[in-house]
Amino acid sequence: MRRIKLTVAYDGTDYCGWQIQPNGITIEEVLNRKLTALTGEEIRVIGASRTDSGVHALGNVAVFDTRSTIPPERMALALNQKLPDDIVIVQSEEVPLTWHPRYQEQITKTYEYHIYNARTANPLKKRTSTYVYFPLDVEKMRAGASYLVGEHDFASFCCIRTSAEDTVRRIDSLEIEEHPCAEGAFSYSTKDAREIVIRVTGNGFLYNMVRIIAGTLIRVGRGFYPPEKVGEILVAKVRTEAGVTAPPQGLVLLEIRY
């Protein structure tokens, strides 16, 4: 028996998240089905991060056990030939049978939240970013984000339906970049268009935590909250103090580092 580690990228638009559930198709379900067909064994993958419906990934991680004779490093190529176009195995490798993607001593995850900020929506950005019509002040967003770096109780930035008993997490970095994106004939209505990317790295994230952080920073950027309000929200430890949960399509699990 061998344990194979997969690095998985996917466009989550047409899936009900990672974890198998009764109300629609999921990434985990597709991987199980295609691996079972490939190996002739009943395969059940174990994922590192259970991304929500509509959320994307470039570097999620999963493992599965198999007796297949396919070389571990070629498992990615063999599996990609069976998968739909919106799921890709980036890498496959063998790991010890005791290796678990969620229970390692040191894990950091990096997420990005993408915002398309322009007067007119761009249909090509619809699946992978959240559209915001009102101009956003990125410098104020950066100032607000600075309050979140470090180890804190993030109860205010967690969905009230969470099962987590401990809401303390550590954010190692929280950066906000902006890139102009007016292009071609479409630029007549988007000359000030830009993509704003919130990139956050930490040792773990609560349910909807990154999307609530994004929703709160959008409110700072629009001028509804002053930057220092983010620090007050953090101290309050009450979910209703923070901004709305930003839509899922802007969120990407960029990397899990062990």
Protein backbone atom coordinates (compact mmCIF):
# COMPACT_ATOMS: atom_id res chain seq x y z
CA MET A 1 0.00 0.00 0.00
CA ARG A 2 1.25 3.48 -0.87
CA ARG A 3 -0.01 6.95 0.00
CA ILE A 4 -0.06 9.43 -2.87
CA LYS A 5 -0.14 13.19 -2.33
CA LEU A 6 -1.88 15.31 -4.96
CA THR A 7 -1.62 19.06 -5.49
CA VAL A 8 -4.97 20.05 -6.99
CA ALA A 9 -6.06 23.16 -8.92
CA TYR A 10 -9.65 23.85 -9.89
CA ASP A 11 -12.19 26.41 -11.00
CA GLY A 12 -14.85 25.99 -8.31
CA THR A 13 -17.63 27.81 -10.14
CA ASP A 14 -19.64 24.74 -11.09
CA TYR A 15 -19.03 22.76 -7.90
CA CYS A 16 -20.64 22.72 -4.46
CA GLY A 17 -17.28 23.03 -2.77
CA TRP A 18 -14.71 20.37 -1.95
CA GLN A 19 -16.48 18.05 0.48
CA ILE A 20 -19.01 15.44 -0.67
CA GLN A 21 -22.59 16.50 0.03
CA PRO A 22 -26.06 15.47 -1.16
CA ASN A 23 -27.09 18.69 -2.93
CA GLY A 24 -24.61 18.77 -5.82
CA ILE A 25 -21.35 17.63 -7.34
CA THR A 26 -18.10 18.40 -5.49
CA ILE A 27 -14.36 18.29 -6.19
CA GLU A 28 -13.86 15.40 -3.75
CA GLU A 29 -16.61 13.37 -5.43
CA VAL A 30 -15.06 13.81 -8.88
CA LEU A 31 -11.58 12.84 -7.66
CA ASN A 32 -12.92 9.74 -5.90
CA ARG A 33 -14.81 8.62 -8.99
CA LYS A 34 -11.95 9.20 -11.44
CA LEU A 35 -9.32 7.62 -9.17
CA THR A 36 -11.55 4.60 -8.65
CA ALA A 37 -11.86 4.22 -12.43
CA LEU A 38 -8.11 4.69 -12.91
CA THR A 39 -6.90 2.24 -10.25
CA GLY A 40 -9.74 -0.28 -10.12
CA GLU A 41 -9.88 0.25 -6.35
CA GLU A 42 -12.45 2.02 -4.18
CA ILE A 43 -10.62 5.32 -3.57
CA ARG A 44 -11.50 7.98 -1.01
CA VAL A 45 -9.28 11.06 -0.95
CA ILE A 46 -8.50 13.08 2.17
CA GLY A 47 -8.31 16.83 1.49
CA ALA A 48 -6.31 19.49 3.29
CA SER A 49 -8.82 22.32 2.85
CA ARG A 50 -12.59 22.00 2.39
CA THR A 51 -13.19 25.00 0.16
CA ASP A 52 -16.76 26.29 -0.12
CA SER A 53 -19.11 26.31 -3.10
CA GLY A 54 -17.77 28.54 -5.88
CA VAL A 55 -14.30 28.95 -4.32
CA HIS A 56 -11.24 28.19 -6.48
CA ALA A 57 -7.82 26.67 -5.79
CA LEU A 58 -4.40 26.59 -7.38
CA GLY A 59 -2.74 24.56 -4.64
CA ASN A 60 -5.12 22.47 -2.56
CA VAL A 61 -3.70 19.17 -1.31
CA ALA A 62 -5.20 15.69 -1.01
CA VAL A 63 -3.92 12.17 -0.35
CA PHE A 64 -5.20 8.68 -1.11
CA ASP A 65 -4.00 5.12 -0.50
CA THR A 66 -3.55 2.66 -3.35
CA ARG A 67 -1.95 -0.58 -4.45
CA SER A 68 -1.76 0.66 -8.03
CA THR A 69 1.50 0.07 -9.90
CA ILE A 70 1.31 3.47 -11.64
CA PRO A 71 4.48 5.39 -10.63
CA PRO A 72 3.54 8.12 -8.12
CA GLU A 73 5.01 10.92 -10.21
CA ARG A 74 2.99 9.79 -13.26
CA MET A 75 -0.30 9.57 -11.39
CA ALA A 76 -0.97 13.26 -12.17
CA LEU A 77 -0.65 12.71 -15.93
CA ALA A 78 -2.82 9.58 -15.87
CA LEU A 79 -5.51 11.24 -13.76
CA ASN A 80 -5.59 14.48 -15.77
CA GLN A 81 -6.60 12.49 -18.84
CA LYS A 82 -9.80 11.47 -17.03
CA LEU A 83 -10.65 14.69 -15.19
CA PRO A 84 -12.87 17.51 -16.53
CA ASP A 85 -11.09 20.61 -17.81
CA ASP A 86 -11.81 22.63 -14.68
CA ILE A 87 -9.88 20.27 -12.36
CA VAL A 88 -6.13 19.70 -12.81
CA ILE A 89 -3.61 17.67 -10.83
CA VAL A 90 -0.53 19.90 -10.66
CA GLN A 91 1.75 17.33 -9.03
CA SER A 92 1.64 13.81 -7.60
CA GLU A 93 4.18 12.22 -5.26
CA GLU A 94 4.49 9.43 -2.70
CA VAL A 95 4.46 10.29 1.02
CA PRO A 96 4.66 8.09 4.14
CA LEU A 97 1.47 6.19 5.01
CA THR A 98 1.26 8.21 8.23
CA TRP A 99 1.35 11.58 6.44
CA HIS A 100 -1.93 13.50 6.76
CA PRO A 101 -2.61 16.77 4.89
CA ARG A 102 -4.39 18.41 7.83
CA TYR A 103 -2.29 17.22 10.76
CA GLN A 104 1.28 18.34 10.26
CA GLU A 105 3.31 20.30 12.81
CA GLN A 106 3.83 23.36 10.62
CA ILE A 107 1.31 24.34 7.97
CA THR A 108 0.78 27.73 6.36
CA LYS A 109 -1.98 28.54 3.90
CA THR A 110 -2.11 31.42 1.46
CA TYR A 111 -5.38 32.73 0.05
CA GLU A 112 -6.06 35.50 -2.43
CA TYR A 113 -9.27 37.48 -2.74
CA HIS A 114 -9.74 39.15 -6.14
CA ILE A 115 -11.86 42.30 -6.61
CA TYR A 116 -12.66 43.81 -9.99
CA ASN A 117 -13.13 47.53 -9.30
CA ALA A 118 -14.56 49.51 -12.25
CA ARG A 119 -17.55 51.52 -13.44
CA THR A 120 -18.68 48.64 -15.67
CA ALA A 121 -18.60 44.91 -14.94
CA ASN A 122 -16.32 42.78 -17.10
CA PRO A 123 -17.92 39.46 -18.11
CA LEU A 124 -14.49 37.83 -18.41
CA LYS A 125 -13.83 38.49 -14.72
CA LYS A 126 -17.19 37.21 -13.48
CA ARG A 127 -16.10 33.68 -12.53
CA THR A 128 -12.87 34.62 -10.74
CA SER A 129 -13.42 37.97 -9.03
CA THR A 130 -16.01 40.01 -7.17
CA TYR A 131 -17.25 43.13 -8.92
CA VAL A 132 -17.32 46.38 -6.92
CA TYR A 133 -18.71 49.47 -8.67
CA PHE A 134 -17.74 52.11 -6.11
CA PRO A 135 -14.10 53.32 -6.11
CA LEU A 136 -12.01 51.71 -3.37
CA ASP A 137 -9.25 53.50 -1.45
CA VAL A 138 -6.49 50.88 -1.38
CA GLU A 139 -4.29 52.82 1.04
CA LYS A 140 -7.08 52.87 3.60
CA MET A 141 -7.65 49.16 3.02
CA ARG A 142 -3.94 48.51 3.70
CA ALA A 143 -4.11 50.56 6.88
CA GLY A 144 -7.12 48.58 8.06
CA ALA A 145 -5.49 45.26 7.15
CA SER A 146 -2.46 46.04 9.34
CA TYR A 147 -4.56 45.51 12.49
CA LEU A 148 -5.10 41.86 11.57
CA VAL A 149 -1.47 40.76 11.27
CA GLY A 150 -0.27 38.63 14.18
CA GLU A 151 -1.96 36.17 16.51
CA HIS A 152 -5.47 37.23 17.55
CA ASP A 153 -8.88 35.93 18.46
CA PHE A 154 -10.71 36.20 15.13
CA ALA A 155 -14.20 35.50 16.50
CA SER A 156 -15.50 38.65 14.77
CA PHE A 157 -14.26 37.31 11.43
CA CYS A 158 -15.80 33.85 11.67
CA CYS A 159 -19.16 32.53 10.51
CA ILE A 160 -21.44 31.98 13.50
CA ARG A 161 -22.09 28.42 12.25
CA THR A 162 -18.47 27.38 12.86
CA SER A 163 -17.72 24.24 14.86
CA ALA A 164 -14.31 25.56 15.95
CA GLU A 165 -13.85 25.68 19.72
CA ASP A 166 -10.76 27.90 19.49
CA THR A 167 -11.00 31.04 17.33
CA VAL A 168 -7.38 32.17 17.83
CA ARG A 169 -5.38 32.16 14.61
CA ARG A 170 -2.11 33.69 13.36
CA ILE A 171 -1.87 35.84 10.23
CA ASP A 172 1.74 36.11 9.07
CA SER A 173 1.15 38.58 6.25
CA LEU A 174 -1.76 40.47 4.71
CA GLU A 175 -0.91 42.38 1.54
CA ILE A 176 -3.12 44.31 -0.86
CA GLU A 177 -2.04 44.88 -4.46
CA GLU A 178 -3.73 46.75 -7.29
CA HIS A 179 -3.24 46.24 -11.02
CA PRO A 180 -4.73 48.28 -13.89
CA CYS A 181 -6.77 46.12 -16.24
CA ALA A 182 -8.40 48.32 -18.91
CA GLU A 183 -7.91 46.50 -22.21
CA GLY A 184 -8.89 46.79 -25.87
CA ALA A 185 -12.24 48.13 -27.06
CA PHE A 186 -13.68 47.51 -23.61
CA SER A 187 -11.41 50.21 -22.16
CA TYR A 188 -13.76 53.06 -23.13
CA SER A 189 -15.86 52.24 -20.07
CA THR A 190 -13.10 50.84 -17.87
CA LYS A 191 -10.22 53.30 -18.19
CA ASP A 192 -9.95 53.39 -14.40
CA ALA A 193 -10.58 49.65 -13.97
CA ARG A 194 -8.25 47.70 -11.76
CA GLU A 195 -7.98 44.39 -10.04
CA ILE A 196 -7.39 44.57 -6.30
CA VAL A 197 -5.88 41.45 -4.75
CA ILE A 198 -5.94 40.77 -1.01
CA ARG A 199 -3.29 38.13 -0.23
CA VAL A 200 -3.26 36.59 3.25
CA THR A 201 -0.97 33.94 4.72
CA GLY A 202 -1.46 32.28 8.10
CA ASN A 203 -1.35 29.09 10.10
CA GLY A 204 -5.04 28.37 9.62
CA PHE A 205 -8.35 30.06 8.89
CA LEU A 206 -11.81 29.86 10.43
CA TYR A 207 -14.96 29.17 8.42
CA ASN A 208 -15.46 32.11 5.99
CA MET A 209 -12.68 34.05 7.73
CA VAL A 210 -10.93 35.29 4.56
CA ARG A 211 -14.22 36.27 2.91
CA ILE A 212 -15.31 38.22 6.02
CA ILE A 213 -11.92 39.97 6.12
CA ALA A 214 -12.39 40.86 2.44
CA GLY A 215 -15.93 42.12 3.03
CA THR A 216 -14.73 44.26 5.94
CA LEU A 217 -11.80 45.73 3.99
CA ILE A 218 -14.12 46.55 1.08
CA ARG A 219 -16.20 48.62 3.52
CA VAL A 220 -13.02 50.39 4.63
CA GLY A 221 -12.13 51.05 0.99
CA ARG A 222 -15.57 52.52 0.32
CA GLY A 223 -15.28 54.84 3.33
CA PHE A 224 -17.99 53.20 5.44
CA TYR A 225 -15.40 52.28 8.11
CA PRO A 226 -12.24 54.20 9.03
CA PRO A 227 -9.16 51.92 9.03
CA GLU A 228 -8.98 51.87 12.84
CA LYS A 229 -12.46 50.35 12.93
CA VAL A 230 -10.86 47.03 11.90
CA GLY A 231 -8.94 46.98 15.18
CA GLU A 232 -12.13 47.71 17.10
CA ILE A 233 -13.95 44.89 15.30
CA LEU A 234 -11.12 42.48 16.18
CA VAL A 235 -11.29 43.39 19.88
CA ALA A 236 -15.11 43.12 19.98
CA LYS A 237 -15.08 39.37 19.11
CA VAL A 238 -18.63 39.68 17.76
CA ARG A 239 -19.43 38.60 14.19
CA THR A 240 -22.06 41.30 13.62
CA GLU A 241 -19.43 44.03 14.11
CA ALA A 242 -17.56 43.03 10.92
CA GLY A 243 -18.53 43.53 7.29
CA VAL A 244 -20.55 41.15 5.15
CA THR A 245 -19.12 37.86 3.92
CA ALA A 246 -17.73 38.66 0.46
CA PRO A 247 -18.95 36.44 -2.44
CA PRO A 248 -17.12 33.13 -3.01
CA GLN A 249 -16.00 33.61 -6.62
CA GLY A 250 -13.25 36.05 -5.64
CA LEU A 251 -11.51 33.57 -3.34
CA VAL A 252 -8.59 31.35 -4.37
CA LEU A 253 -6.64 28.92 -2.19
CA LEU A 254 -3.24 29.74 -3.60
CA GLU A 255 -0.90 27.46 -1.67
CA ILE A 256 -0.53 25.14 1.29
CA ARG A 257 3.04 24.96 2.55
CA TYR A 258 4.33 22.23 4.86
